[in-house]
PDB file of N, CA and C in Angstrom:
ATOM      1  N   MET A   1       0.863  -1.469  -0.084  1.00  0.00           N
ATOM      2  CA  MET A   1      -0.117   0.136  -0.096  1.00  0.00           C
ATOM      3  C   MET A   1       0.717   1.094   0.342  1.00  0.00           C
ATOM      4  N   PRO A   2       0.867   2.367  -0.927  1.00  0.00           N
ATOM      5  CA  PRO A   2       1.293   3.667  -1.413  1.00  0.00           C
ATOM      6  C   PRO A   2       1.163   4.340   0.533  1.00  0.00           C
ATOM      7  N   GLU A   3       2.379   5.070   0.506  1.00  0.00           N
ATOM      8  CA  GLU A   3       2.123   5.751   2.109  1.00  0.00           C
ATOM      9  C   GLU A   3       1.593   6.911   1.607  1.00  0.00           C
ATOM     10  N   GLU A   4       0.899   7.792   2.693  1.00  0.00           N
ATOM     11  CA  GLU A   4       0.344   8.586   2.275  1.00  0.00           C
ATOM     12  C   GLU A   4       0.692  10.073   1.805  1.00  0.00           C
ATOM     13  N   GLU A   5       0.235  10.160   1.369  1.00  0.00           N
ATOM     14  CA  GLU A   5       1.331  11.695   0.258  1.00  0.00           C
ATOM     15  C   GLU A   5       0.321  13.252   1.308  1.00  0.00           C
ATOM     16  N   LEU A   6       1.342  13.883   1.983  1.00  0.00           N
ATOM     17  CA  LEU A   6       1.239  14.699   2.733  1.00  0.00           C
ATOM     18  C   LEU A   6       0.706  16.208   1.774  1.00  0.00           C
ATOM     19  N   VAL A   7      -0.294  16.858   2.334  1.00  0.00           N
ATOM     20  CA  VAL A   7      -0.575  18.030   1.608  1.00  0.00           C
ATOM     21  C   VAL A   7       0.021  19.298   2.146  1.00  0.00           C
ATOM     22  N   GLU A   8       0.901  20.579   1.425  1.00  0.00           N
ATOM     23  CA  GLU A   8       1.265  21.523   2.006  1.00  0.00           C
ATOM     24  C   GLU A   8       0.105  22.477   1.901  1.00  0.00           C
ATOM     25  N   LEU A   9       0.312  23.393   2.764  1.00  0.00           N
ATOM     26  CA  LEU A   9      -1.158  24.247   2.664  1.00  0.00           C
ATOM     27  C   LEU A   9      -0.075  25.612   3.274  1.00  0.00           C
ATOM     28  N   LYS A  10      -0.611  26.745   2.949  1.00  0.00           N
ATOM     29  CA  LYS A  10      -0.384  27.905   3.569  1.00  0.00           C
ATOM     30  C   LYS A  10      -1.567  29.000   3.705  1.00  0.00           C
ATOM     31  N   PHE A  11      -1.757  29.769   4.815  1.00  0.00           N
ATOM     32  CA  PHE A  11      -3.061  30.452   4.866  1.00  0.00           C
ATOM     33  C   PHE A  11      -2.595  31.751   4.800  1.00  0.00           C
ATOM     34  N   ARG A  12      -3.588  32.225   3.867  1.00  0.00           N
ATOM     35  CA  ARG A  12      -3.487  33.934   3.290  1.00  0.00           C
ATOM     36  C   ARG A  12      -4.245  34.368   4.342  1.00  0.00           C
ATOM     37  N   LEU A  13      -3.591  35.632   4.842  1.00  0.00           N
ATOM     38  CA  LEU A  13      -4.533  36.976   6.380  1.00  0.00           C
ATOM     39  C   LEU A  13      -5.046  37.709   5.143  1.00  0.00           C
ATOM     40  N   TYR A  14      -5.498  38.308   5.808  1.00  0.00           N
ATOM     41  CA  TYR A  14      -6.487  39.654   5.272  1.00  0.00           C
ATOM     42  C   TYR A  14      -5.598  40.806   4.122  1.00  0.00           C
ATOM     43  N   ASP A  15      -4.663  40.833   5.234  1.00  0.00           N
ATOM     44  CA  ASP A  15      -3.283  42.032   5.130  1.00  0.00           C
ATOM     45  C   ASP A  15      -2.370  41.589   3.863  1.00  0.00           C
ATOM     46  N   GLY A  16      -2.930  39.858   3.255  1.00  0.00           N
ATOM     47  CA  GLY A  16      -1.760  39.258   2.427  1.00  0.00           C
ATOM     48  C   GLY A  16      -0.642  38.835   2.581  1.00  0.00           C
ATOM     49  N   SER A  17      -0.288  38.824   4.360  1.00  0.00           N
ATOM     50  CA  SER A  17       0.605  38.005   4.289  1.00  0.00           C
ATOM     51  C   SER A  17       0.219  36.579   5.101  1.00  0.00           C
ATOM     52  N   ASP A  18       1.336  35.586   4.961  1.00  0.00           N
ATOM     53  CA  ASP A  18       0.518  34.052   5.233  1.00  0.00           C
ATOM     54  C   ASP A  18       1.247  33.643   6.203  1.00  0.00           C
ATOM     55  N   ILE A  19       0.468  32.641   6.580  1.00  0.00           N
ATOM     56  CA  ILE A  19       1.373  31.808   7.565  1.00  0.00           C
ATOM     57  C   ILE A  19       1.692  30.050   6.754  1.00  0.00           C
ATOM     58  N   GLY A  20       2.558  29.707   7.208  1.00  0.00           N
ATOM     59  CA  GLY A  20       3.060  28.647   6.462  1.00  0.00           C
ATOM     60  C   GLY A  20       3.801  29.067   5.434  1.00  0.00           C
ATOM     61  N   PRO A  21       4.035  27.434   4.999  1.00  0.00           N
ATOM     62  CA  PRO A  21       3.272  26.459   4.701  1.00  0.00           C
ATOM     63  C   PRO A  21       3.306  25.437   5.577  1.00  0.00           C
ATOM     64  N   PHE A  22       2.679  24.387   5.800  1.00  0.00           N
ATOM     65  CA  PHE A  22       2.736  23.410   6.617  1.00  0.00           C
ATOM     66  C   PHE A  22       2.423  22.556   5.908  1.00  0.00           C
ATOM     67  N   ARG A  23       2.833  21.256   6.439  1.00  0.00           N
ATOM     68  CA  ARG A  23       2.597  19.891   5.874  1.00  0.00           C
ATOM     69  C   ARG A  23       1.380  19.275   6.628  1.00  0.00           C
ATOM     70  N   TYR A  24       0.343  18.588   6.274  1.00  0.00           N
ATOM     71  CA  TYR A  24      -0.808  18.548   6.532  1.00  0.00           C
ATOM     72  C   TYR A  24      -1.328  16.457   6.414  1.00  0.00           C
ATOM     73  N   SER A  25      -1.839  15.850   6.624  1.00  0.00           N
ATOM     74  CA  SER A  25      -2.211  14.743   6.151  1.00  0.00           C
ATOM     75  C   SER A  25      -3.731  14.873   5.829  1.00  0.00           C
ATOM     76  N   PRO A  26      -4.130  14.154   4.532  1.00  0.00           N
ATOM     77  CA  PRO A  26      -5.765  14.259   4.002  1.00  0.00           C
ATOM     78  C   PRO A  26      -6.328  13.804   4.792  1.00  0.00           C
ATOM     79  N   ALA A  27      -6.007  13.520   5.797  1.00  0.00           N
ATOM     80  CA  ALA A  27      -7.636  13.038   6.942  1.00  0.00           C
ATOM     81  C   ALA A  27      -7.581  13.833   7.988  1.00  0.00           C
ATOM     82  N   SER A  28      -6.596  14.815   7.783  1.00  0.00           N
ATOM     83  CA  SER A  28      -6.789  15.971   8.958  1.00  0.00           C
ATOM     84  C   SER A  28      -8.363  16.993   8.330  1.00  0.00           C
ATOM     85  N   THR A  29      -8.617  17.654   9.895  1.00  0.00           N
ATOM     86  CA  THR A  29     -10.190  18.104   9.866  1.00  0.00           C
ATOM     87  C   THR A  29      -9.769  19.212   9.719  1.00  0.00           C
ATOM     88  N   VAL A  30     -10.598  20.356   8.945  1.00  0.00           N
ATOM     89  CA  VAL A  30     -10.484  21.822   9.109  1.00  0.00           C
ATOM     90  C   VAL A  30     -10.350  22.134  10.199  1.00  0.00           C
ATOM     91  N   ALA A  31     -10.966  21.476  11.571  1.00  0.00           N
ATOM     92  CA  ALA A  31     -11.361  22.190  12.664  1.00  0.00           C
ATOM     93  C   ALA A  31     -10.018  22.268  12.935  1.00  0.00           C
ATOM     94  N   MET A  32      -8.981  21.260  12.531  1.00  0.00           N
ATOM     95  CA  MET A  32      -7.465  20.839  13.484  1.00  0.00           C
ATOM     96  C   MET A  32      -7.008  22.130  12.377  1.00  0.00           C
ATOM     97  N   LEU A  33      -6.895  22.573  11.188  1.00  0.00           N
ATOM     98  CA  LEU A  33      -6.258  23.673  10.541  1.00  0.00           C
ATOM     99  C   LEU A  33      -6.760  24.656  11.377  1.00  0.00           C
ATOM    100  N   LYS A  34      -8.090  24.967  11.748  1.00  0.00           N
ATOM    101  CA  LYS A  34      -8.297  26.092  12.345  1.00  0.00           C
ATOM    102  C   LYS A  34      -7.657  26.358  13.886  1.00  0.00           C
ATOM    103  N   GLU A  35      -7.501  25.615  14.537  1.00  0.00           N
ATOM    104  CA  GLU A  35      -6.979  25.414  15.769  1.00  0.00           C
ATOM    105  C   GLU A  35      -5.195  25.701  15.395  1.00  0.00           C
ATOM    106  N   ARG A  36      -4.416  25.310  14.098  1.00  0.00           N
ATOM    107  CA  ARG A  36      -3.401  25.513  14.142  1.00  0.00           C
ATOM    108  C   ARG A  36      -2.858  27.099  13.871  1.00  0.00           C
ATOM    109  N   ILE A  37      -4.153  28.042  12.920  1.00  0.00           N
ATOM    110  CA  ILE A  37      -4.221  28.722  12.949  1.00  0.00           C
ATOM    111  C   ILE A  37      -4.190  29.972  13.621  1.00  0.00           C
ATOM    112  N   VAL A  38      -5.339  29.759  14.360  1.00  0.00           N
ATOM    113  CA  VAL A  38      -5.092  30.439  15.955  1.00  0.00           C
ATOM    114  C   VAL A  38      -3.877  30.279  16.651  1.00  0.00           C
ATOM    115  N   ALA A  39      -3.087  29.340  16.652  1.00  0.00           N
ATOM    116  CA  ALA A  39      -2.065  29.037  17.831  1.00  0.00           C
ATOM    117  C   ALA A  39      -0.768  29.653  17.144  1.00  0.00           C
ATOM    118  N   GLU A  40      -0.743  29.918  15.534  1.00  0.00           N
ATOM    119  CA  GLU A  40       0.259  29.943  14.745  1.00  0.00           C
ATOM    120  C   GLU A  40      -0.079  32.173  14.326  1.00  0.00           C
ATOM    121  N   TRP A  41      -1.007  32.768  14.937  1.00  0.00           N
ATOM    122  CA  TRP A  41      -1.227  33.800  14.656  1.00  0.00           C
ATOM    123  C   TRP A  41      -0.574  34.798  14.874  1.00  0.00           C
ATOM    124  N   PRO A  42       0.346  35.673  14.030  1.00  0.00           N
ATOM    125  CA  PRO A  42       0.915  36.327  14.344  1.00  0.00           C
ATOM    126  C   PRO A  42       0.315  37.751  15.685  1.00  0.00           C
ATOM    127  N   LYS A  43       1.145  38.001  16.543  1.00  0.00           N
ATOM    128  CA  LYS A  43       1.192  38.965  17.946  1.00  0.00           C
ATOM    129  C   LYS A  43       0.665  40.149  17.201  1.00  0.00           C
ATOM    130  N   ASP A  44       1.415  40.741  16.188  1.00  0.00           N
ATOM    131  CA  ASP A  44       1.505  42.013  15.995  1.00  0.00           C
ATOM    132  C   ASP A  44       0.383  42.572  14.804  1.00  0.00           C
ATOM    133  N   LYS A  45      -0.638  41.758  14.704  1.00  0.00           N
ATOM    134  CA  LYS A  45      -1.701  42.013  13.832  1.00  0.00           C
ATOM    135  C   LYS A  45      -2.848  42.715  14.661  1.00  0.00           C
ATOM    136  N   LYS A  46      -3.677  43.897  14.186  1.00  0.00           N
ATOM    137  CA  LYS A  46      -4.947  44.310  15.189  1.00  0.00           C
ATOM    138  C   LYS A  46      -5.526  43.338  15.070  1.00  0.00           C
ATOM    139  N   ILE A  47      -6.000  42.951  14.150  1.00  0.00           N
ATOM    140  CA  ILE A  47      -7.486  42.224  14.185  1.00  0.00           C
ATOM    141  C   ILE A  47      -6.728  40.389  14.192  1.00  0.00           C
ATOM    142  N   ALA A  48      -7.294  40.200  15.450  1.00  0.00           N
ATOM    143  CA  ALA A  48      -6.862  38.736  15.650  1.00  0.00           C
ATOM    144  C   ALA A  48      -8.108  37.363  16.146  1.00  0.00           C
ATOM    145  N   PRO A  49      -8.301  36.311  15.663  1.00  0.00           N
ATOM    146  CA  PRO A  49      -9.265  35.677  16.153  1.00  0.00           C
ATOM    147  C   PRO A  49      -9.316  35.240  17.728  1.00  0.00           C
ATOM    148  N   LYS A  50     -10.154  35.205  18.677  1.00  0.00           N
ATOM    149  CA  LYS A  50      -9.980  35.048  19.778  1.00  0.00           C
ATOM    150  C   LYS A  50      -9.929  33.159  20.215  1.00  0.00           C
ATOM    151  N   GLY A  51     -10.741  32.536  19.237  1.00  0.00           N
ATOM    152  CA  GLY A  51     -10.582  31.149  19.119  1.00  0.00           C
ATOM    153  C   GLY A  51     -11.103  30.167  17.772  1.00  0.00           C
ATOM    154  N   ALA A  52     -10.742  29.269  17.238  1.00  0.00           N
ATOM    155  CA  ALA A  52     -11.024  28.350  16.226  1.00  0.00           C
ATOM    156  C   ALA A  52     -12.383  28.670  15.567  1.00  0.00           C
ATOM    157  N   ASN A  53     -13.515  28.945  16.532  1.00  0.00           N
ATOM    158  CA  ASN A  53     -14.979  29.351  16.023  1.00  0.00           C
ATOM    159  C   ASN A  53     -14.575  30.758  14.883  1.00  0.00           C
ATOM    160  N   ASP A  54     -13.954  31.922  15.433  1.00  0.00           N
ATOM    161  CA  ASP A  54     -13.477  32.969  14.983  1.00  0.00           C
ATOM    162  C   ASP A  54     -12.749  33.214  13.504  1.00  0.00           C
ATOM    163  N   VAL A  55     -13.056  31.960  13.323  1.00  0.00           N
ATOM    164  CA  VAL A  55     -11.582  31.698  11.355  1.00  0.00           C
ATOM    165  C   VAL A  55     -12.676  30.681  11.106  1.00  0.00           C
ATOM    166  N   LYS A  56     -12.626  32.115   9.339  1.00  0.00           N
ATOM    167  CA  LYS A  56     -13.298  30.878   8.342  1.00  0.00           C
ATOM    168  C   LYS A  56     -12.411  31.035   7.477  1.00  0.00           C
ATOM    169  N   LEU A  57     -12.353  29.275   6.657  1.00  0.00           N
ATOM    170  CA  LEU A  57     -11.546  29.321   5.911  1.00  0.00           C
ATOM    171  C   LEU A  57     -12.374  29.217   4.541  1.00  0.00           C
ATOM    172  N   ILE A  58     -11.296  29.900   3.575  1.00  0.00           N
ATOM    173  CA  ILE A  58     -11.903  29.697   2.232  1.00  0.00           C
ATOM    174  C   ILE A  58     -10.882  29.212   1.200  1.00  0.00           C
ATOM    175  N   ASN A  59     -11.433  27.839   0.103  1.00  0.00           N
ATOM    176  CA  ASN A  59     -10.361  27.329  -0.338  1.00  0.00           C
ATOM    177  C   ASN A  59     -11.083  27.042  -2.006  1.00  0.00           C
ATOM    178  N   ALA A  60     -11.026  27.346  -3.158  1.00  0.00           N
ATOM    179  CA  ALA A  60     -11.362  27.621  -4.386  1.00  0.00           C
ATOM    180  C   ALA A  60     -12.676  28.420  -4.164  1.00  0.00           C
ATOM    181  N   GLY A  61     -13.162  29.299  -3.672  1.00  0.00           N
ATOM    182  CA  GLY A  61     -14.565  30.268  -3.468  1.00  0.00           C
ATOM    183  C   GLY A  61     -14.908  29.331  -2.516  1.00  0.00           C
ATOM    184  N   LYS A  62     -15.110  28.588  -1.984  1.00  0.00           N
ATOM    185  CA  LYS A  62     -16.164  27.650  -0.862  1.00  0.00           C
ATOM    186  C   LYS A  62     -15.666  28.112   0.395  1.00  0.00           C
ATOM    187  N   LEU A  63     -16.393  27.737   1.609  1.00  0.00           N
ATOM    188  CA  LEU A  63     -16.281  28.076   2.644  1.00  0.00           C
ATOM    189  C   LEU A  63     -16.212  26.949   3.296  1.00  0.00           C
ATOM    190  N   LEU A  64     -15.453  26.481   3.936  1.00  0.00           N
ATOM    191  CA  LEU A  64     -14.652  25.159   4.512  1.00  0.00           C
ATOM    192  C   LEU A  64     -15.492  24.644   5.543  1.00  0.00           C
ATOM    193  N   GLU A  65     -15.796  23.461   5.948  1.00  0.00           N
ATOM    194  CA  GLU A  65     -16.683  23.122   7.085  1.00  0.00           C
ATOM    195  C   GLU A  65     -15.858  22.355   7.918  1.00  0.00           C
ATOM    196  N   ASN A  66     -16.125  22.530   9.432  1.00  0.00           N
ATOM    197  CA  ASN A  66     -15.068  22.007  10.375  1.00  0.00           C
ATOM    198  C   ASN A  66     -15.306  20.565  10.122  1.00  0.00           C
ATOM    199  N   ASN A  67     -16.347  19.626   9.422  1.00  0.00           N
ATOM    200  CA  ASN A  67     -15.965  18.342   9.432  1.00  0.00           C
ATOM    201  C   ASN A  67     -15.537  17.805   8.837  1.00  0.00           C
ATOM    202  N   LYS A  68     -15.176  18.433   7.607  1.00  0.00           N
ATOM    203  CA  LYS A  68     -14.595  18.255   6.274  1.00  0.00           C
ATOM    204  C   LYS A  68     -12.964  17.781   6.335  1.00  0.00           C
ATOM    205  N   THR A  69     -12.574  16.701   5.754  1.00  0.00           N
ATOM    206  CA  THR A  69     -11.005  16.520   5.940  1.00  0.00           C
ATOM    207  C   THR A  69     -10.331  17.467   4.779  1.00  0.00           C
ATOM    208  N   VAL A  70      -8.591  17.611   4.980  1.00  0.00           N
ATOM    209  CA  VAL A  70      -7.898  18.192   4.008  1.00  0.00           C
ATOM    210  C   VAL A  70      -8.315  17.586   2.663  1.00  0.00           C
ATOM    211  N   GLY A  71      -8.578  16.281   2.742  1.00  0.00           N
ATOM    212  CA  GLY A  71      -8.553  15.189   1.393  1.00  0.00           C
ATOM    213  C   GLY A  71      -9.742  15.332   0.560  1.00  0.00           C
ATOM    214  N   GLN A  72     -10.946  15.930   1.011  1.00  0.00           N
ATOM    215  CA  GLN A  72     -11.954  16.006   0.822  1.00  0.00           C
ATOM    216  C   GLN A  72     -11.894  17.751  -0.165  1.00  0.00           C
ATOM    217  N   CYS A  73     -11.360  18.370   1.036  1.00  0.00           N
ATOM    218  CA  CYS A  73     -11.434  19.964   0.441  1.00  0.00           C
ATOM    219  C   CYS A  73     -10.629  20.561  -0.714  1.00  0.00           C
ATOM    220  N   ARG A  74      -9.440  19.519  -0.975  1.00  0.00           N
ATOM    221  CA  ARG A  74      -8.261  19.441  -2.048  1.00  0.00           C
ATOM    222  C   ARG A  74      -8.996  19.307  -3.529  1.00  0.00           C
ATOM    223  N   VAL A  75      -9.571  20.821  -4.224  1.00  0.00           N
ATOM    224  CA  VAL A  75      -9.657  20.748  -5.447  1.00  0.00           C
ATOM    225  C   VAL A  75      -8.643  20.308  -6.315  1.00  0.00           C
ATOM    226  N   PRO A  76      -9.025  19.301  -7.557  1.00  0.00           N
ATOM    227  CA  PRO A  76      -7.842  18.647  -8.077  1.00  0.00           C
ATOM    228  C   PRO A  76      -7.623  19.509  -9.322  1.00  0.00           C
ATOM    229  N   PHE A  77      -6.442  20.221  -9.522  1.00  0.00           N
ATOM    230  CA  PHE A  77      -6.295  21.281 -10.654  1.00  0.00           C
ATOM    231  C   PHE A  77      -5.221  20.554 -11.538  1.00  0.00           C
ATOM    232  N   GLY A  78      -5.674  19.352 -12.215  1.00  0.00           N
ATOM    233  CA  GLY A  78      -5.223  18.414 -12.601  1.00  0.00           C
ATOM    234  C   GLY A  78      -3.928  17.532 -11.878  1.00  0.00           C
ATOM    235  N   ASP A  79      -4.134  17.583 -10.473  1.00  0.00           N
ATOM    236  CA  ASP A  79      -3.360  16.825  -9.936  1.00  0.00           C
ATOM    237  C   ASP A  79      -1.952  17.462  -9.704  1.00  0.00           C
ATOM    238  N   LEU A  80      -1.432  18.389  -9.374  1.00  0.00           N
ATOM    239  CA  LEU A  80      -0.428  19.216  -9.053  1.00  0.00           C
ATOM    240  C   LEU A  80       0.039  18.538  -8.236  1.00  0.00           C
ATOM    241  N   PRO A  81       1.277  18.128  -9.142  1.00  0.00           N
ATOM    242  CA  PRO A  81       2.516  17.366  -7.884  1.00  0.00           C
ATOM    243  C   PRO A  81       3.296  18.327  -6.961  1.00  0.00           C
ATOM    244  N   LYS A  82       3.259  17.951  -5.383  1.00  0.00           N
ATOM    245  CA  LYS A  82       3.816  19.062  -4.755  1.00  0.00           C
ATOM    246  C   LYS A  82       3.467  20.352  -4.732  1.00  0.00           C
ATOM    247  N   ALA A  83       2.544  20.679  -4.726  1.00  0.00           N
ATOM    248  CA  ALA A  83       2.507  21.875  -5.602  1.00  0.00           C
ATOM    249  C   ALA A  83       1.507  22.447  -3.416  1.00  0.00           C
ATOM    250  N   VAL A  84       2.050  23.985  -3.424  1.00  0.00           N
ATOM    251  CA  VAL A  84       1.413  24.260  -1.945  1.00  0.00           C
ATOM    252  C   VAL A  84      -0.130  25.035  -1.976  1.00  0.00           C
ATOM    253  N   ILE A  85      -0.898  24.905  -1.658  1.00  0.00           N
ATOM    254  CA  ILE A  85      -1.864  25.130  -1.772  1.00  0.00           C
ATOM    255  C   ILE A  85      -2.610  26.269  -0.336  1.00  0.00           C
ATOM    256  N   THR A  86      -3.095  27.286  -1.162  1.00  0.00           N
ATOM    257  CA  THR A  86      -3.264  28.502  -0.587  1.00  0.00           C
ATOM    258  C   THR A  86      -4.809  28.850   0.140  1.00  0.00           C
ATOM    259  N   MET A  87      -4.943  28.876   1.357  1.00  0.00           N
ATOM    260  CA  MET A  87      -6.355  29.036   1.619  1.00  0.00           C
ATOM    261  C   MET A  87      -6.196  30.149   2.311  1.00  0.00           C
ATOM    262  N   HIS A  88      -7.821  30.518   1.970  1.00  0.00           N
ATOM    263  CA  HIS A  88      -7.564  31.864   2.437  1.00  0.00           C
ATOM    264  C   HIS A  88      -8.147  32.138   4.067  1.00  0.00           C
ATOM    265  N   VAL A  89      -8.336  32.940   5.013  1.00  0.00           N
ATOM    266  CA  VAL A  89      -8.309  33.533   6.750  1.00  0.00           C
ATOM    267  C   VAL A  89      -9.416  34.039   6.801  1.00  0.00           C
ATOM    268  N   VAL A  90     -10.194  34.212   7.170  1.00  0.00           N
ATOM    269  CA  VAL A  90     -11.379  35.276   7.585  1.00  0.00           C
ATOM    270  C   VAL A  90     -11.535  35.347   9.003  1.00  0.00           C
ATOM    271  N   VAL A  91     -11.145  36.570   8.987  1.00  0.00           N
ATOM    272  CA  VAL A  91     -11.720  36.167  10.965  1.00  0.00           C
ATOM    273  C   VAL A  91     -13.301  37.214  10.771  1.00  0.00           C
ATOM    274  N   GLN A  92     -13.989  36.399  11.750  1.00  0.00           N
ATOM    275  CA  GLN A  92     -15.180  36.649  11.663  1.00  0.00           C
ATOM    276  C   GLN A  92     -15.957  36.400  13.389  1.00  0.00           C
ATOM    277  N   PRO A  93     -15.924  38.051  14.208  1.00  0.00           N
ATOM    278  CA  PRO A  93     -15.984  37.404  15.661  1.00  0.00           C
ATOM    279  C   PRO A  93     -17.088  36.534  15.981  1.00  0.00           C
ATOM    280  N   SER A  94     -17.521  36.042  16.315  1.00  0.00           N
ATOM    281  CA  SER A  94     -18.689  35.682  17.130  1.00  0.00           C
ATOM    282  C   SER A  94     -20.036  36.301  17.606  1.00  0.00           C
ATOM    283  N   VAL A  95     -21.196  36.073  16.884  1.00  0.00           N
ATOM    284  CA  VAL A  95     -22.390  37.186  16.772  1.00  0.00           C
ATOM    285  C   VAL A  95     -23.150  37.251  18.063  1.00  0.00           C
ATOM    286  N   THR A  96     -22.714  36.469  18.735  1.00  0.00           N
ATOM    287  CA  THR A  96     -23.829  35.959  20.152  1.00  0.00           C
ATOM    288  C   THR A  96     -23.998  37.755  20.893  1.00  0.00           C
ATOM    289  N   LYS A  97     -22.880  38.218  20.614  1.00  0.00           N
ATOM    290  CA  LYS A  97     -22.960  39.641  21.468  1.00  0.00           C
ATOM    291  C   LYS A  97     -24.270  40.813  20.771  1.00  0.00           C
ATOM    292  N   ALA A  98     -24.174  40.665  19.266  1.00  0.00           N
ATOM    293  CA  ALA A  98     -24.860  41.434  18.488  1.00  0.00           C
ATOM    294  C   ALA A  98     -26.168  40.741  18.755  1.00  0.00           C
ATOM    295  N   LYS A  99     -26.611  39.298  19.043  1.00  0.00           N
ATOM    296  CA  LYS A  99     -27.862  38.861  19.193  1.00  0.00           C
ATOM    297  C   LYS A  99     -28.137  39.419  20.340  1.00  0.00           C
ATOM    298  N   THR A 100     -27.991  39.423  21.563  1.00  0.00           N
ATOM    299  CA  THR A 100     -28.159  39.772  22.916  1.00  0.00           C
ATOM    300  C   THR A 100     -28.704  41.192  22.985  1.00  0.00           C
ATOM    301  N   GLU A 101     -27.893  42.415  21.815  1.00  0.00           N
ATOM    302  CA  GLU A 101     -27.482  43.697  22.497  1.00  0.00           C
ATOM    303  C   GLU A 101     -29.138  43.855  21.147  1.00  0.00           C
ATOM    304  N   LYS A 102     -29.647  43.017  20.448  1.00  0.00           N
ATOM    305  CA  LYS A 102     -30.710  42.964  19.274  1.00  0.00           C
ATOM    306  C   LYS A 102     -31.760  42.960  20.557  1.00  0.00           C
ATOM    307  N   VAL A 103     -31.480  42.290  21.163  1.00  0.00           N
ATOM    308  CA  VAL A 103     -33.013  41.728  22.046  1.00  0.00           C
ATOM    309  C   VAL A 103     -33.162  42.626  23.352  1.00  0.00           C
ATOM    310  N   VAL A 104     -31.837  43.173  23.433  1.00  0.00           N
ATOM    311  CA  VAL A 104     -31.960  43.864  24.317  1.00  0.00           C
ATOM    312  C   VAL A 104     -32.304  45.524  24.421  1.00  0.00           C
ATOM    313  N   ASP A 105     -32.546  45.711  22.685  1.00  0.00           N
ATOM    314  CA  ASP A 105     -33.160  47.163  22.511  1.00  0.00           C
ATOM    315  C   ASP A 105     -34.597  47.147  21.975  1.00  0.00           C
ATOM    316  N   GLU A 106     -35.098  45.798  22.117  1.00  0.00           N
ATOM    317  CA  GLU A 106     -36.776  45.820  21.479  1.00  0.00           C
ATOM    318  C   GLU A 106     -37.073  46.230  23.033  1.00  0.00           C
ATOM    319  N   THR A 107     -37.982  47.305  22.533  1.00  0.00           N
ATOM    320  CA  THR A 107     -38.801  47.584  23.646  1.00  0.00           C
ATOM    321  C   THR A 107     -40.322  47.536  23.124  1.00  0.00           C
ATOM    322  N   PRO A 108     -41.289  47.519  23.850  1.00  0.00           N
ATOM    323  CA  PRO A 108     -42.727  47.340  23.689  1.00  0.00           C
ATOM    324  C   PRO A 108     -43.146  48.744  22.965  1.00  0.00           C
ATOM    325  N   ARG A 109     -43.759  48.710  22.219  1.00  0.00           N
ATOM    326  CA  ARG A 109     -44.340  49.831  21.360  1.00  0.00           C
ATOM    327  C   ARG A 109     -46.073  49.522  21.416  1.00  0.00           C
ATOM    328  N   LYS A 110     -45.947  51.199  21.535  1.00  0.00           N
ATOM    329  CA  LYS A 110     -47.919  51.212  21.634  1.00  0.00           C
ATOM    330  C   LYS A 110     -48.408  51.387  20.079  1.00  0.00           C
ATOM    331  N   ASN A 111     -49.513  50.765  19.611  1.00  0.00           N
ATOM    332  CA  ASN A 111     -50.321  50.386  18.574  1.00  0.00           C
ATOM    333  C   ASN A 111     -51.017  51.624  18.052  1.00  0.00           C
ATOM    334  N   PHE A 112     -50.485  52.597  17.319  1.00  0.00           N
ATOM    335  CA  PHE A 112     -52.058  53.439  17.387  1.00  0.00           C
ATOM    336  C   PHE A 112     -51.567  54.218  15.671  1.00  0.00           C
ATOM    337  N   CYS A 113     -52.570  54.694  14.981  1.00  0.00           N
ATOM    338  CA  CYS A 113     -52.750  55.055  13.674  1.00  0.00           C
ATOM    339  C   CYS A 113     -52.963  56.943  13.575  1.00  0.00           C
ATOM    340  N   SER A 114     -52.553  56.750  12.928  1.00  0.00           N
ATOM    341  CA  SER A 114     -52.660  58.370  12.800  1.00  0.00           C
ATOM    342  C   SER A 114     -53.161  58.914  11.063  1.00  0.00           C
ATOM    343  N   CYS A 115     -53.692  59.416  10.995  1.00  0.00           N
ATOM    344  CA  CYS A 115     -53.840  59.550   9.583  1.00  0.00           C
ATOM    345  C   CYS A 115     -54.508  61.134   9.287  1.00  0.00           C
ATOM    346  N   SER A 116     -53.875  61.449   8.109  1.00  0.00           N
ATOM    347  CA  SER A 116     -54.215  62.677   7.749  1.00  0.00           C
ATOM    348  C   SER A 116     -54.512  62.986   6.416  1.00  0.00           C
ATOM    349  N   ILE A 117     -56.029  63.478   6.069  1.00  0.00           N
ATOM    350  CA  ILE A 117     -56.774  63.919   4.621  1.00  0.00           C
ATOM    351  C   ILE A 117     -56.651  65.223   4.729  1.00  0.00           C
ATOM    352  N   LEU A 118     -55.977  65.382   3.411  1.00  0.00           N
ATOM    353  CA  LEU A 118     -55.829  66.600   2.809  1.00  0.00           C
ATOM    354  C   LEU A 118     -56.665  67.290   1.768  1.00  0.00           C
TER     355      LEU A 118
END
């Protein structure tokens, strides 16, 4: 049985800088990649993820799901040998705060109608 070939990935950040490249097994999950990105995130960046849930990965125009493996996300471009795959990283903070603020801002409103006929 042939040895499993590792996939080389680098991650492009919002400012054009990169994290990596790193070599991963095709069985590695997207969630594992996100955890590595958070751990390797440059300290000098203004925008930084607080956790893996704040990171979104995009490959070939598709948002990658946490439960997918690297092998499933890999887009075959004629199966380029030893090519480094660039995935784009988007930091999107959790929206739980925004939802709670919206609920707090809602106040009961009185229903009344005002009509003017000229």
